[in-house]
Amino acid sequence: MKVKYATILVADMDQSLKFYTEVMGLEIDSQHNPHPGLTITLLKGEGDAMVELIENKENPQTGLFSVGMEVEDINTTVKKLKSKGAKITQEPVPITVGTLAFLEDPNGAQIALIQHHKQ
């Protein structure tokens, strides 16, 4: 598995983007609006891992949400993790950029597993 994202839930996307671009020096990689009221922005710096900011106007929350791991085959990975006793909190589901699943570490931290569509 490859660390791909740190996901942060934000209250104000514009304010957060100003901080992460102007103060932290990250660049906007892409922005997505899967449905009204939900904005997802991916920011990149050096290296492959990105910061993912999510603003959900219908259910506003803030703070670190999850760490995202990119996998080659999500179904095989989930099956293997289950066999090792991992607590899967969301089975694989299709999303706009691929397939997503979640598991929880012993401390309750969320780990997102994502298999991106092949390009």
PDB file of N, CA and C in Angstrom:
ATOM      1  N   MET A   1       0.835  -1.180   0.000  1.00  0.00           N
ATOM      2  CA  MET A   1       0.000   0.000   0.000  1.00  0.00           C
ATOM      3  C   MET A   1       0.879   1.242   0.000  1.00  0.00           C
ATOM      4  N   LYS A   2       0.403   2.242  -0.666  1.00  0.00           N
ATOM      5  CA  LYS A   2       1.132   3.490  -0.815  1.00  0.00           C
ATOM      6  C   LYS A   2       0.330   4.610  -0.154  1.00  0.00           C
ATOM      7  N   VAL A   3       0.950   5.363   0.766  1.00  0.00           N
ATOM      8  CA  VAL A   3       0.260   6.493   1.382  1.00  0.00           C
ATOM      9  C   VAL A   3      -0.024   7.505   0.282  1.00  0.00           C
ATOM     10  N   LYS A   4      -1.297   7.886   0.155  1.00  0.00           N
ATOM     11  CA  LYS A   4      -1.700   8.761  -0.940  1.00  0.00           C
ATOM     12  C   LYS A   4      -2.286  10.085  -0.457  1.00  0.00           C
ATOM     13  N   TYR A   5      -3.085  10.060   0.632  1.00  0.00           N
ATOM     14  CA  TYR A   5      -3.775  11.263   1.087  1.00  0.00           C
ATOM     15  C   TYR A   5      -3.792  11.369   2.601  1.00  0.00           C
ATOM     16  N   ALA A   6      -3.835  12.607   3.092  1.00  0.00           N
ATOM     17  CA  ALA A   6      -4.288  12.913   4.447  1.00  0.00           C
ATOM     18  C   ALA A   6      -5.528  13.758   4.228  1.00  0.00           C
ATOM     19  N   THR A   7      -6.674  13.298   4.714  1.00  0.00           N
ATOM     20  CA  THR A   7      -7.938  13.981   4.471  1.00  0.00           C
ATOM     21  C   THR A   7      -8.320  14.825   5.676  1.00  0.00           C
ATOM     22  N   ILE A   8      -8.618  16.095   5.409  1.00  0.00           N
ATOM     23  CA  ILE A   8      -8.990  17.033   6.465  1.00  0.00           C
ATOM     24  C   ILE A   8     -10.352  17.606   6.120  1.00  0.00           C
ATOM     25  N   LEU A   9     -11.280  17.546   7.082  1.00  0.00           N
ATOM     26  CA  LEU A   9     -12.601  18.151   6.913  1.00  0.00           C
ATOM     27  C   LEU A   9     -12.482  19.617   7.306  1.00  0.00           C
ATOM     28  N   VAL A  10     -12.958  20.518   6.447  1.00  0.00           N
ATOM     29  CA  VAL A  10     -12.811  21.957   6.679  1.00  0.00           C
ATOM     30  C   VAL A  10     -14.164  22.647   6.713  1.00  0.00           C
ATOM     31  N   ALA A  11     -14.225  23.746   7.468  1.00  0.00           N
ATOM     32  CA  ALA A  11     -15.459  24.521   7.573  1.00  0.00           C
ATOM     33  C   ALA A  11     -15.584  25.534   6.440  1.00  0.00           C
ATOM     34  N   ASP A  12     -14.450  26.039   5.944  1.00  0.00           N
ATOM     35  CA  ASP A  12     -14.448  27.076   4.917  1.00  0.00           C
ATOM     36  C   ASP A  12     -13.353  26.759   3.897  1.00  0.00           C
ATOM     37  N   MET A  13     -13.762  26.294   2.722  1.00  0.00           N
ATOM     38  CA  MET A  13     -12.791  25.877   1.720  1.00  0.00           C
ATOM     39  C   MET A  13     -11.893  27.029   1.292  1.00  0.00           C
ATOM     40  N   ASP A  14     -12.471  28.207   1.055  1.00  0.00           N
ATOM     41  CA  ASP A  14     -11.664  29.340   0.593  1.00  0.00           C
ATOM     42  C   ASP A  14     -10.584  29.710   1.607  1.00  0.00           C
ATOM     43  N   GLN A  15     -10.963  29.785   2.864  1.00  0.00           N
ATOM     44  CA  GLN A  15     -10.014  30.108   3.926  1.00  0.00           C
ATOM     45  C   GLN A  15      -8.935  29.018   4.027  1.00  0.00           C
ATOM     46  N   SER A  16      -9.335  27.766   3.924  1.00  0.00           N
ATOM     47  CA  SER A  16      -8.393  26.655   4.008  1.00  0.00           C
ATOM     48  C   SER A  16      -7.442  26.648   2.820  1.00  0.00           C
ATOM     49  N   LEU A  17      -7.966  26.912   1.620  1.00  0.00           N
ATOM     50  CA  LEU A  17      -7.115  26.957   0.442  1.00  0.00           C
ATOM     51  C   LEU A  17      -6.085  28.080   0.548  1.00  0.00           C
ATOM     52  N   LYS A  18      -6.507  29.216   1.061  1.00  0.00           N
ATOM     53  CA  LYS A  18      -5.582  30.340   1.240  1.00  0.00           C
ATOM     54  C   LYS A  18      -4.444  29.924   2.173  1.00  0.00           C
ATOM     55  N   PHE A  19      -4.769  29.245   3.279  1.00  0.00           N
ATOM     56  CA  PHE A  19      -3.749  28.796   4.223  1.00  0.00           C
ATOM     57  C   PHE A  19      -2.797  27.796   3.573  1.00  0.00           C
ATOM     58  N   TYR A  20      -3.360  26.750   2.956  1.00  0.00           N
ATOM     59  CA  TYR A  20      -2.512  25.679   2.425  1.00  0.00           C
ATOM     60  C   TYR A  20      -1.711  26.102   1.191  1.00  0.00           C
ATOM     61  N   THR A  21      -2.214  27.074   0.416  1.00  0.00           N
ATOM     62  CA  THR A  21      -1.446  27.517  -0.755  1.00  0.00           C
ATOM     63  C   THR A  21      -0.500  28.664  -0.402  1.00  0.00           C
ATOM     64  N   GLU A  22      -1.000  29.695   0.278  1.00  0.00           N
ATOM     65  CA  GLU A  22      -0.185  30.874   0.544  1.00  0.00           C
ATOM     66  C   GLU A  22       0.775  30.690   1.721  1.00  0.00           C
ATOM     67  N   VAL A  23       0.336  30.006   2.760  1.00  0.00           N
ATOM     68  CA  VAL A  23       1.178  29.833   3.950  1.00  0.00           C
ATOM     69  C   VAL A  23       2.043  28.578   3.830  1.00  0.00           C
ATOM     70  N   MET A  24       1.419  27.457   3.464  1.00  0.00           N
ATOM     71  CA  MET A  24       2.132  26.181   3.425  1.00  0.00           C
ATOM     72  C   MET A  24       2.829  25.916   2.089  1.00  0.00           C
ATOM     73  N   GLY A  25       2.473  26.644   1.045  1.00  0.00           N
ATOM     74  CA  GLY A  25       3.146  26.506  -0.232  1.00  0.00           C
ATOM     75  C   GLY A  25       2.707  25.330  -1.096  1.00  0.00           C
ATOM     76  N   LEU A  26       1.547  24.745  -0.798  1.00  0.00           N
ATOM     77  CA  LEU A  26       1.035  23.648  -1.625  1.00  0.00           C
ATOM     78  C   LEU A  26       0.332  24.212  -2.857  1.00  0.00           C
ATOM     79  N   GLU A  27       0.144  23.376  -3.864  1.00  0.00           N
ATOM     80  CA  GLU A  27      -0.542  23.777  -5.093  1.00  0.00           C
ATOM     81  C   GLU A  27      -1.801  22.943  -5.268  1.00  0.00           C
ATOM     82  N   ILE A  28      -2.828  23.554  -5.834  1.00  0.00           N
ATOM     83  CA  ILE A  28      -4.059  22.821  -6.120  1.00  0.00           C
ATOM     84  C   ILE A  28      -3.796  21.851  -7.261  1.00  0.00           C
ATOM     85  N   ASP A  29      -4.079  20.575  -7.019  1.00  0.00           N
ATOM     86  CA  ASP A  29      -3.943  19.535  -8.030  1.00  0.00           C
ATOM     87  C   ASP A  29      -5.251  19.381  -8.795  1.00  0.00           C
ATOM     88  N   SER A  30      -6.362  19.276  -8.058  1.00  0.00           N
ATOM     89  CA  SER A  30      -7.675  19.136  -8.696  1.00  0.00           C
ATOM     90  C   SER A  30      -8.762  19.472  -7.688  1.00  0.00           C
ATOM     91  N   GLN A  31      -9.945  19.773  -8.219  1.00  0.00           N
ATOM     92  CA  GLN A  31     -11.088  20.068  -7.360  1.00  0.00           C
ATOM     93  C   GLN A  31     -12.301  19.339  -7.927  1.00  0.00           C
ATOM     94  N   HIS A  32     -13.116  18.777  -7.029  1.00  0.00           N
ATOM     95  CA  HIS A  32     -14.274  17.975  -7.435  1.00  0.00           C
ATOM     96  C   HIS A  32     -15.497  18.415  -6.639  1.00  0.00           C
ATOM     97  N   ASN A  33     -16.660  18.364  -7.284  1.00  0.00           N
ATOM     98  CA  ASN A  33     -17.936  18.657  -6.643  1.00  0.00           C
ATOM     99  C   ASN A  33     -18.884  17.504  -6.952  1.00  0.00           C
ATOM    100  N   PRO A  34     -18.767  16.385  -6.182  1.00  0.00           N
ATOM    101  CA  PRO A  34     -19.586  15.198  -6.481  1.00  0.00           C
ATOM    102  C   PRO A  34     -21.085  15.438  -6.384  1.00  0.00           C
ATOM    103  N   HIS A  35     -21.505  16.364  -5.501  1.00  0.00           N
ATOM    104  CA  HIS A  35     -22.903  16.769  -5.439  1.00  0.00           C
ATOM    105  C   HIS A  35     -22.971  18.142  -4.783  1.00  0.00           C
ATOM    106  N   PRO A  36     -24.098  18.855  -4.922  1.00  0.00           N
ATOM    107  CA  PRO A  36     -24.192  20.203  -4.371  1.00  0.00           C
ATOM    108  C   PRO A  36     -23.860  20.236  -2.877  1.00  0.00           C
ATOM    109  N   GLY A  37     -23.068  21.222  -2.487  1.00  0.00           N
ATOM    110  CA  GLY A  37     -22.696  21.381  -1.085  1.00  0.00           C
ATOM    111  C   GLY A  37     -21.451  20.630  -0.667  1.00  0.00           C
ATOM    112  N   LEU A  38     -20.911  19.790  -1.550  1.00  0.00           N
ATOM    113  CA  LEU A  38     -19.717  19.012  -1.240  1.00  0.00           C
ATOM    114  C   LEU A  38     -18.595  19.397  -2.195  1.00  0.00           C
ATOM    115  N   THR A  39     -17.491  19.882  -1.629  1.00  0.00           N
ATOM    116  CA  THR A  39     -16.328  20.255  -2.430  1.00  0.00           C
ATOM    117  C   THR A  39     -15.121  19.497  -1.908  1.00  0.00           C
ATOM    118  N   ILE A  40     -14.379  18.876  -2.815  1.00  0.00           N
ATOM    119  CA  ILE A  40     -13.164  18.140  -2.483  1.00  0.00           C
ATOM    120  C   ILE A  40     -12.024  18.762  -3.282  1.00  0.00           C
ATOM    121  N   THR A  41     -10.972  19.184  -2.587  1.00  0.00           N
ATOM    122  CA  THR A  41      -9.808  19.760  -3.249  1.00  0.00           C
ATOM    123  C   THR A  41      -8.574  18.964  -2.862  1.00  0.00           C
ATOM    124  N   LEU A  42      -7.797  18.554  -3.862  1.00  0.00           N
ATOM    125  CA  LEU A  42      -6.537  17.842  -3.642  1.00  0.00           C
ATOM    126  C   LEU A  42      -5.391  18.821  -3.837  1.00  0.00           C
ATOM    127  N   LEU A  43      -4.487  18.847  -2.855  1.00  0.00           N
ATOM    128  CA  LEU A  43      -3.337  19.743  -2.882  1.00  0.00           C
ATOM    129  C   LEU A  43      -2.067  18.924  -2.896  1.00  0.00           C
ATOM    130  N   LYS A  44      -1.080  19.395  -3.652  1.00  0.00           N
ATOM    131  CA  LYS A  44       0.174  18.656  -3.714  1.00  0.00           C
ATOM    132  C   LYS A  44       1.337  19.553  -3.332  1.00  0.00           C
ATOM    133  N   GLY A  45       2.338  18.894  -2.797  1.00  0.00           N
ATOM    134  CA  GLY A  45       3.597  19.546  -2.486  1.00  0.00           C
ATOM    135  C   GLY A  45       4.679  18.682  -3.094  1.00  0.00           C
ATOM    136  N   GLU A  46       5.751  18.494  -2.363  1.00  0.00           N
ATOM    137  CA  GLU A  46       6.805  17.601  -2.836  1.00  0.00           C
ATOM    138  C   GLU A  46       6.404  16.162  -2.538  1.00  0.00           C
ATOM    139  N   GLY A  47       6.824  15.220  -3.366  1.00  0.00           N
ATOM    140  CA  GLY A  47       6.491  13.813  -3.155  1.00  0.00           C
ATOM    141  C   GLY A  47       5.144  13.466  -3.753  1.00  0.00           C
ATOM    142  N   ASP A  48       4.720  12.227  -3.519  1.00  0.00           N
ATOM    143  CA  ASP A  48       3.479  11.725  -4.111  1.00  0.00           C
ATOM    144  C   ASP A  48       2.239  11.953  -3.267  1.00  0.00           C
ATOM    145  N   ALA A  49       2.379  11.976  -1.942  1.00  0.00           N
ATOM    146  CA  ALA A  49       1.210  12.104  -1.065  1.00  0.00           C
ATOM    147  C   ALA A  49       0.608  13.501  -1.185  1.00  0.00           C
ATOM    148  N   MET A  50      -0.708  13.583  -1.039  1.00  0.00           N
ATOM    149  CA  MET A  50      -1.411  14.854  -1.151  1.00  0.00           C
ATOM    150  C   MET A  50      -2.244  15.114   0.095  1.00  0.00           C
ATOM    151  N   VAL A  51      -2.647  16.366   0.257  1.00  0.00           N
ATOM    152  CA  VAL A  51      -3.601  16.752   1.282  1.00  0.00           C
ATOM    153  C   VAL A  51      -4.941  16.896   0.571  1.00  0.00           C
ATOM    154  N   GLU A  52      -5.955  16.242   1.118  1.00  0.00           N
ATOM    155  CA  GLU A  52      -7.300  16.304   0.559  1.00  0.00           C
ATOM    156  C   GLU A  52      -8.167  17.095   1.526  1.00  0.00           C
ATOM    157  N   LEU A  53      -8.736  18.207   1.056  1.00  0.00           N
ATOM    158  CA  LEU A  53      -9.638  19.015   1.873  1.00  0.00           C
ATOM    159  C   LEU A  53     -11.065  18.746   1.431  1.00  0.00           C
ATOM    160  N   ILE A  54     -11.955  18.524   2.406  1.00  0.00           N
ATOM    161  CA  ILE A  54     -13.368  18.282   2.099  1.00  0.00           C
ATOM    162  C   ILE A  54     -14.218  19.276   2.871  1.00  0.00           C
ATOM    163  N   GLU A  55     -15.043  20.025   2.129  1.00  0.00           N
ATOM    164  CA  GLU A  55     -16.028  20.916   2.739  1.00  0.00           C
ATOM    165  C   GLU A  55     -17.403  20.359   2.417  1.00  0.00           C
ATOM    166  N   ASN A  56     -18.175  20.051   3.462  1.00  0.00           N
ATOM    167  CA  ASN A  56     -19.528  19.522   3.295  1.00  0.00           C
ATOM    168  C   ASN A  56     -20.489  20.489   3.966  1.00  0.00           C
ATOM    169  N   LYS A  57     -21.141  21.316   3.173  1.00  0.00           N
ATOM    170  CA  LYS A  57     -22.030  22.344   3.722  1.00  0.00           C
ATOM    171  C   LYS A  57     -23.275  21.752   4.374  1.00  0.00           C
ATOM    172  N   GLU A  58     -23.675  20.529   3.972  1.00  0.00           N
ATOM    173  CA  GLU A  58     -24.850  19.881   4.560  1.00  0.00           C
ATOM    174  C   GLU A  58     -24.543  19.252   5.913  1.00  0.00           C
ATOM    175  N   ASN A  59     -23.292  18.859   6.142  1.00  0.00           N
ATOM    176  CA  ASN A  59     -22.890  18.214   7.389  1.00  0.00           C
ATOM    177  C   ASN A  59     -21.514  18.749   7.788  1.00  0.00           C
ATOM    178  N   PRO A  60     -21.460  20.021   8.213  1.00  0.00           N
ATOM    179  CA  PRO A  60     -20.150  20.625   8.497  1.00  0.00           C
ATOM    180  C   PRO A  60     -19.449  19.976   9.695  1.00  0.00           C
ATOM    181  N   GLN A  61     -18.207  19.562   9.456  1.00  0.00           N
ATOM    182  CA  GLN A  61     -17.334  19.010  10.490  1.00  0.00           C
ATOM    183  C   GLN A  61     -15.934  19.493  10.183  1.00  0.00           C
ATOM    184  N   THR A  62     -15.050  19.428  11.165  1.00  0.00           N
ATOM    185  CA  THR A  62     -13.673  19.831  10.926  1.00  0.00           C
ATOM    186  C   THR A  62     -12.719  18.847  11.591  1.00  0.00           C
ATOM    187  N   GLY A  63     -11.478  18.860  11.127  1.00  0.00           N
ATOM    188  CA  GLY A  63     -10.428  18.039  11.721  1.00  0.00           C
ATOM    189  C   GLY A  63      -9.927  16.967  10.782  1.00  0.00           C
ATOM    190  N   LEU A  64      -8.907  16.237  11.245  1.00  0.00           N
ATOM    191  CA  LEU A  64      -8.359  15.138  10.457  1.00  0.00           C
ATOM    192  C   LEU A  64      -9.412  14.048  10.338  1.00  0.00           C
ATOM    193  N   PHE A  65      -9.671  13.612   9.118  1.00  0.00           N
ATOM    194  CA  PHE A  65     -10.685  12.588   8.904  1.00  0.00           C
ATOM    195  C   PHE A  65     -10.055  11.218   8.692  1.00  0.00           C
ATOM    196  N   SER A  66      -9.066  11.130   7.802  1.00  0.00           N
ATOM    197  CA  SER A  66      -8.484   9.828   7.520  1.00  0.00           C
ATOM    198  C   SER A  66      -7.137   9.965   6.825  1.00  0.00           C
ATOM    199  N   VAL A  67      -6.447   8.844   6.771  1.00  0.00           N
ATOM    200  CA  VAL A  67      -5.244   8.718   5.957  1.00  0.00           C
ATOM    201  C   VAL A  67      -5.616   7.787   4.814  1.00  0.00           C
ATOM    202  N   GLY A  68      -5.293   8.174   3.590  1.00  0.00           N
ATOM    203  CA  GLY A  68      -5.662   7.380   2.417  1.00  0.00           C
ATOM    204  C   GLY A  68      -4.501   6.573   1.890  1.00  0.00           C
ATOM    205  N   MET A  69      -4.755   5.300   1.604  1.00  0.00           N
ATOM    206  CA  MET A  69      -3.753   4.399   1.048  1.00  0.00           C
ATOM    207  C   MET A  69      -4.225   3.931  -0.324  1.00  0.00           C
ATOM    208  N   GLU A  70      -3.351   4.064  -1.317  1.00  0.00           N
ATOM    209  CA  GLU A  70      -3.671   3.590  -2.657  1.00  0.00           C
ATOM    210  C   GLU A  70      -3.303   2.111  -2.773  1.00  0.00           C
ATOM    211  N   VAL A  71      -4.219   1.320  -3.335  1.00  0.00           N
ATOM    212  CA  VAL A  71      -3.981  -0.114  -3.512  1.00  0.00           C
ATOM    213  C   VAL A  71      -4.230  -0.495  -4.966  1.00  0.00           C
ATOM    214  N   GLU A  72      -3.602  -1.576  -5.402  1.00  0.00           N
ATOM    215  CA  GLU A  72      -3.759  -2.054  -6.781  1.00  0.00           C
ATOM    216  C   GLU A  72      -5.088  -2.770  -6.996  1.00  0.00           C
ATOM    217  N   ASP A  73      -5.486  -3.612  -6.025  1.00  0.00           N
ATOM    218  CA  ASP A  73      -6.711  -4.417  -6.141  1.00  0.00           C
ATOM    219  C   ASP A  73      -7.442  -4.335  -4.812  1.00  0.00           C
ATOM    220  N   ILE A  74      -8.461  -3.486  -4.756  1.00  0.00           N
ATOM    221  CA  ILE A  74      -9.125  -3.202  -3.486  1.00  0.00           C
ATOM    222  C   ILE A  74      -9.842  -4.423  -2.909  1.00  0.00           C
ATOM    223  N   ASN A  75     -10.465  -5.227  -3.748  1.00  0.00           N
ATOM    224  CA  ASN A  75     -11.202  -6.391  -3.237  1.00  0.00           C
ATOM    225  C   ASN A  75     -10.253  -7.412  -2.619  1.00  0.00           C
ATOM    226  N   THR A  76      -9.137  -7.675  -3.282  1.00  0.00           N
ATOM    227  CA  THR A  76      -8.143  -8.602  -2.740  1.00  0.00           C
ATOM    228  C   THR A  76      -7.541  -8.047  -1.455  1.00  0.00           C
ATOM    229  N   THR A  77      -7.264  -6.737  -1.434  1.00  0.00           N
ATOM    230  CA  THR A  77      -6.681  -6.105  -0.246  1.00  0.00           C
ATOM    231  C   THR A  77      -7.629  -6.184   0.939  1.00  0.00           C
ATOM    232  N   VAL A  78      -8.903  -5.883   0.726  1.00  0.00           N
ATOM    233  CA  VAL A  78      -9.888  -5.941   1.811  1.00  0.00           C
ATOM    234  C   VAL A  78     -10.010  -7.372   2.335  1.00  0.00           C
ATOM    235  N   LYS A  79     -10.068  -8.339   1.444  1.00  0.00           N
ATOM    236  CA  LYS A  79     -10.166  -9.750   1.849  1.00  0.00           C
ATOM    237  C   LYS A  79      -8.952 -10.145   2.700  1.00  0.00           C
ATOM    238  N   LYS A  80      -7.764  -9.745   2.271  1.00  0.00           N
ATOM    239  CA  LYS A  80      -6.525 -10.052   2.996  1.00  0.00           C
ATOM    240  C   LYS A  80      -6.517  -9.379   4.376  1.00  0.00           C
ATOM    241  N   LEU A  81      -6.937  -8.113   4.423  1.00  0.00           N
ATOM    242  CA  LEU A  81      -6.976  -7.399   5.705  1.00  0.00           C
ATOM    243  C   LEU A  81      -7.983  -8.030   6.665  1.00  0.00           C
ATOM    244  N   LYS A  82      -9.135  -8.425   6.150  1.00  0.00           N
ATOM    245  CA  LYS A  82     -10.145  -9.099   6.983  1.00  0.00           C
ATOM    246  C   LYS A  82      -9.574 -10.388   7.567  1.00  0.00           C
ATOM    247  N   SER A  83      -8.829 -11.136   6.757  1.00  0.00           N
ATOM    248  CA  SER A  83      -8.264 -12.407   7.229  1.00  0.00           C
ATOM    249  C   SER A  83      -7.245 -12.186   8.345  1.00  0.00           C
ATOM    250  N   LYS A  84      -6.706 -10.978   8.419  1.00  0.00           N
ATOM    251  CA  LYS A  84      -5.745 -10.638   9.469  1.00  0.00           C
ATOM    252  C   LYS A  84      -6.412  -9.950  10.657  1.00  0.00           C
ATOM    253  N   GLY A  85      -7.755  -9.867  10.626  1.00  0.00           N
ATOM    254  CA  GLY A  85      -8.491  -9.309  11.755  1.00  0.00           C
ATOM    255  C   GLY A  85      -8.797  -7.828  11.683  1.00  0.00           C
ATOM    256  N   ALA A  86      -8.570  -7.202  10.532  1.00  0.00           N
ATOM    257  CA  ALA A  86      -8.847  -5.763  10.398  1.00  0.00           C
ATOM    258  C   ALA A  86     -10.344  -5.501  10.490  1.00  0.00           C
ATOM    259  N   LYS A  87     -10.682  -4.364  11.093  1.00  0.00           N
ATOM    260  CA  LYS A  87     -12.079  -3.948  11.226  1.00  0.00           C
ATOM    261  C   LYS A  87     -12.439  -3.081  10.016  1.00  0.00           C
ATOM    262  N   ILE A  88     -13.119  -3.668   9.043  1.00  0.00           N
ATOM    263  CA  ILE A  88     -13.557  -2.946   7.850  1.00  0.00           C
ATOM    264  C   ILE A  88     -14.839  -2.196   8.217  1.00  0.00           C
ATOM    265  N   THR A  89     -14.810  -0.863   8.083  1.00  0.00           N
ATOM    266  CA  THR A  89     -15.977  -0.059   8.453  1.00  0.00           C
ATOM    267  C   THR A  89     -16.831   0.309   7.251  1.00  0.00           C
ATOM    268  N   GLN A  90     -16.282   0.179   6.038  1.00  0.00           N
ATOM    269  CA  GLN A  90     -17.063   0.376   4.818  1.00  0.00           C
ATOM    270  C   GLN A  90     -16.496  -0.524   3.736  1.00  0.00           C
ATOM    271  N   GLU A  91     -17.319  -1.409   3.234  1.00  0.00           N
ATOM    272  CA  GLU A  91     -16.919  -2.296   2.140  1.00  0.00           C
ATOM    273  C   GLU A  91     -16.654  -1.461   0.889  1.00  0.00           C
ATOM    274  N   PRO A  92     -15.933  -2.000  -0.086  1.00  0.00           N
ATOM    275  CA  PRO A  92     -15.634  -1.244  -1.302  1.00  0.00           C
ATOM    276  C   PRO A  92     -16.894  -0.744  -2.017  1.00  0.00           C
ATOM    277  N   VAL A  93     -16.857   0.552  -2.380  1.00  0.00           N
ATOM    278  CA  VAL A  93     -17.950   1.177  -3.129  1.00  0.00           C
ATOM    279  C   VAL A  93     -17.353   2.011  -4.258  1.00  0.00           C
ATOM    280  N   PRO A  94     -18.051   2.069  -5.395  1.00  0.00           N
ATOM    281  CA  PRO A  94     -17.545   2.894  -6.492  1.00  0.00           C
ATOM    282  C   PRO A  94     -17.686   4.380  -6.166  1.00  0.00           C
ATOM    283  N   ILE A  95     -16.666   5.158  -6.543  1.00  0.00           N
ATOM    284  CA  ILE A  95     -16.705   6.615  -6.446  1.00  0.00           C
ATOM    285  C   ILE A  95     -16.269   7.167  -7.801  1.00  0.00           C
ATOM    286  N   THR A  96     -16.285   8.466  -7.955  1.00  0.00           N
ATOM    287  CA  THR A  96     -16.001   9.047  -9.270  1.00  0.00           C
ATOM    288  C   THR A  96     -14.622   8.704  -9.807  1.00  0.00           C
ATOM    289  N   VAL A  97     -13.618   8.539  -8.936  1.00  0.00           N
ATOM    290  CA  VAL A  97     -12.249   8.293  -9.406  1.00  0.00           C
ATOM    291  C   VAL A  97     -11.793   6.849  -9.258  1.00  0.00           C
ATOM    292  N   GLY A  98     -12.667   5.968  -8.749  1.00  0.00           N
ATOM    293  CA  GLY A  98     -12.274   4.568  -8.573  1.00  0.00           C
ATOM    294  C   GLY A  98     -13.186   3.837  -7.611  1.00  0.00           C
ATOM    295  N   THR A  99     -12.583   3.123  -6.666  1.00  0.00           N
ATOM    296  CA  THR A  99     -13.322   2.363  -5.655  1.00  0.00           C
ATOM    297  C   THR A  99     -12.713   2.657  -4.295  1.00  0.00           C
ATOM    298  N   LEU A 100     -13.570   2.813  -3.277  1.00  0.00           N
ATOM    299  CA  LEU A 100     -13.149   3.247  -1.948  1.00  0.00           C
ATOM    300  C   LEU A 100     -13.678   2.309  -0.875  1.00  0.00           C
ATOM    301  N   ALA A 101     -12.851   2.023   0.124  1.00  0.00           N
ATOM    302  CA  ALA A 101     -13.256   1.262   1.314  1.00  0.00           C
ATOM    303  C   ALA A 101     -12.587   1.909   2.517  1.00  0.00           C
ATOM    304  N   PHE A 102     -13.101   1.628   3.716  1.00  0.00           N
ATOM    305  CA  PHE A 102     -12.509   2.155   4.941  1.00  0.00           C
ATOM    306  C   PHE A 102     -12.290   1.044   5.953  1.00  0.00           C
ATOM    307  N   LEU A 103     -11.238   1.190   6.733  1.00  0.00           N
ATOM    308  CA  LEU A 103     -11.031   0.354   7.898  1.00  0.00           C
ATOM    309  C   LEU A 103     -10.615   1.243   9.051  1.00  0.00           C
ATOM    310  N   GLU A 104     -10.597   0.659  10.239  1.00  0.00           N
ATOM    311  CA  GLU A 104     -10.295   1.420  11.448  1.00  0.00           C
ATOM    312  C   GLU A 104      -9.107   0.789  12.150  1.00  0.00           C
ATOM    313  N   ASP A 105      -8.173   1.640  12.605  1.00  0.00           N
ATOM    314  CA  ASP A 105      -7.034   1.107  13.347  1.00  0.00           C
ATOM    315  C   ASP A 105      -7.432   0.902  14.804  1.00  0.00           C
ATOM    316  N   PRO A 106      -6.572   0.333  15.650  1.00  0.00           N
ATOM    317  CA  PRO A 106      -6.942   0.058  17.044  1.00  0.00           C
ATOM    318  C   PRO A 106      -7.289   1.306  17.865  1.00  0.00           C
ATOM    319  N   ASN A 107      -6.882   2.480  17.372  1.00  0.00           N
ATOM    320  CA  ASN A 107      -7.173   3.733  18.080  1.00  0.00           C
ATOM    321  C   ASN A 107      -8.432   4.419  17.577  1.00  0.00           C
ATOM    322  N   GLY A 108      -9.081   3.831  16.576  1.00  0.00           N
ATOM    323  CA  GLY A 108     -10.282   4.426  16.005  1.00  0.00           C
ATOM    324  C   GLY A 108     -10.006   5.340  14.824  1.00  0.00           C
ATOM    325  N   ALA A 109      -8.741   5.463  14.412  1.00  0.00           N
ATOM    326  CA  ALA A 109      -8.409   6.294  13.250  1.00  0.00           C
ATOM    327  C   ALA A 109      -8.888   5.616  11.970  1.00  0.00           C
ATOM    328  N   GLN A 110      -9.443   6.396  11.074  1.00  0.00           N
ATOM    329  CA  GLN A 110      -9.942   5.876   9.805  1.00  0.00           C
ATOM    330  C   GLN A 110      -8.816   5.787   8.780  1.00  0.00           C
ATOM    331  N   ILE A 111      -8.780   4.688   8.062  1.00  0.00           N
ATOM    332  CA  ILE A 111      -7.840   4.499   6.966  1.00  0.00           C
ATOM    333  C   ILE A 111      -8.671   4.228   5.719  1.00  0.00           C
ATOM    334  N   ALA A 112      -8.501   5.086   4.724  1.00  0.00           N
ATOM    335  CA  ALA A 112      -9.217   4.926   3.462  1.00  0.00           C
ATOM    336  C   ALA A 112      -8.341   4.122   2.511  1.00  0.00           C
ATOM    337  N   LEU A 113      -8.938   3.146   1.864  1.00  0.00           N
ATOM    338  CA  LEU A 113      -8.264   2.388   0.812  1.00  0.00           C
ATOM    339  C   LEU A 113      -8.897   2.808  -0.502  1.00  0.00           C
ATOM    340  N   ILE A 114      -8.064   3.167  -1.491  1.00  0.00           N
ATOM    341  CA  ILE A 114      -8.614   3.592  -2.770  1.00  0.00           C
ATOM    342  C   ILE A 114      -7.883   2.905  -3.909  1.00  0.00           C
ATOM    343  N   GLN A 115      -8.685   2.393  -4.820  1.00  0.00           N
ATOM    344  CA  GLN A 115      -8.165   1.859  -6.073  1.00  0.00           C
ATOM    345  C   GLN A 115      -8.638   2.812  -7.158  1.00  0.00           C
ATOM    346  N   HIS A 116      -7.694   3.557  -7.735  1.00  0.00           N
ATOM    347  CA  HIS A 116      -8.059   4.512  -8.790  1.00  0.00           C
ATOM    348  C   HIS A 116      -8.348   3.783 -10.089  1.00  0.00           C
ATOM    349  N   HIS A 117      -9.224   4.393 -10.903  1.00  0.00           N
ATOM    350  CA  HIS A 117      -9.467   3.864 -12.248  1.00  0.00           C
ATOM    351  C   HIS A 117      -8.147   3.837 -13.003  1.00  0.00           C
ATOM    352  N   LYS A 118      -7.960   2.814 -13.816  1.00  0.00           N
ATOM    353  CA  LYS A 118      -6.757   2.739 -14.649  1.00  0.00           C
ATOM    354  C   LYS A 118      -6.872   3.786 -15.752  1.00  0.00           C
ATOM    355  N   GLN A 119      -5.772   4.447 -16.034  1.00  0.00           N
ATOM    356  CA  GLN A 119      -5.817   5.521 -17.036  1.00  0.00           C
ATOM    357  C   GLN A 119      -5.200   5.083 -18.329  1.00  0.00           C
TER     358      GLN A 119
END
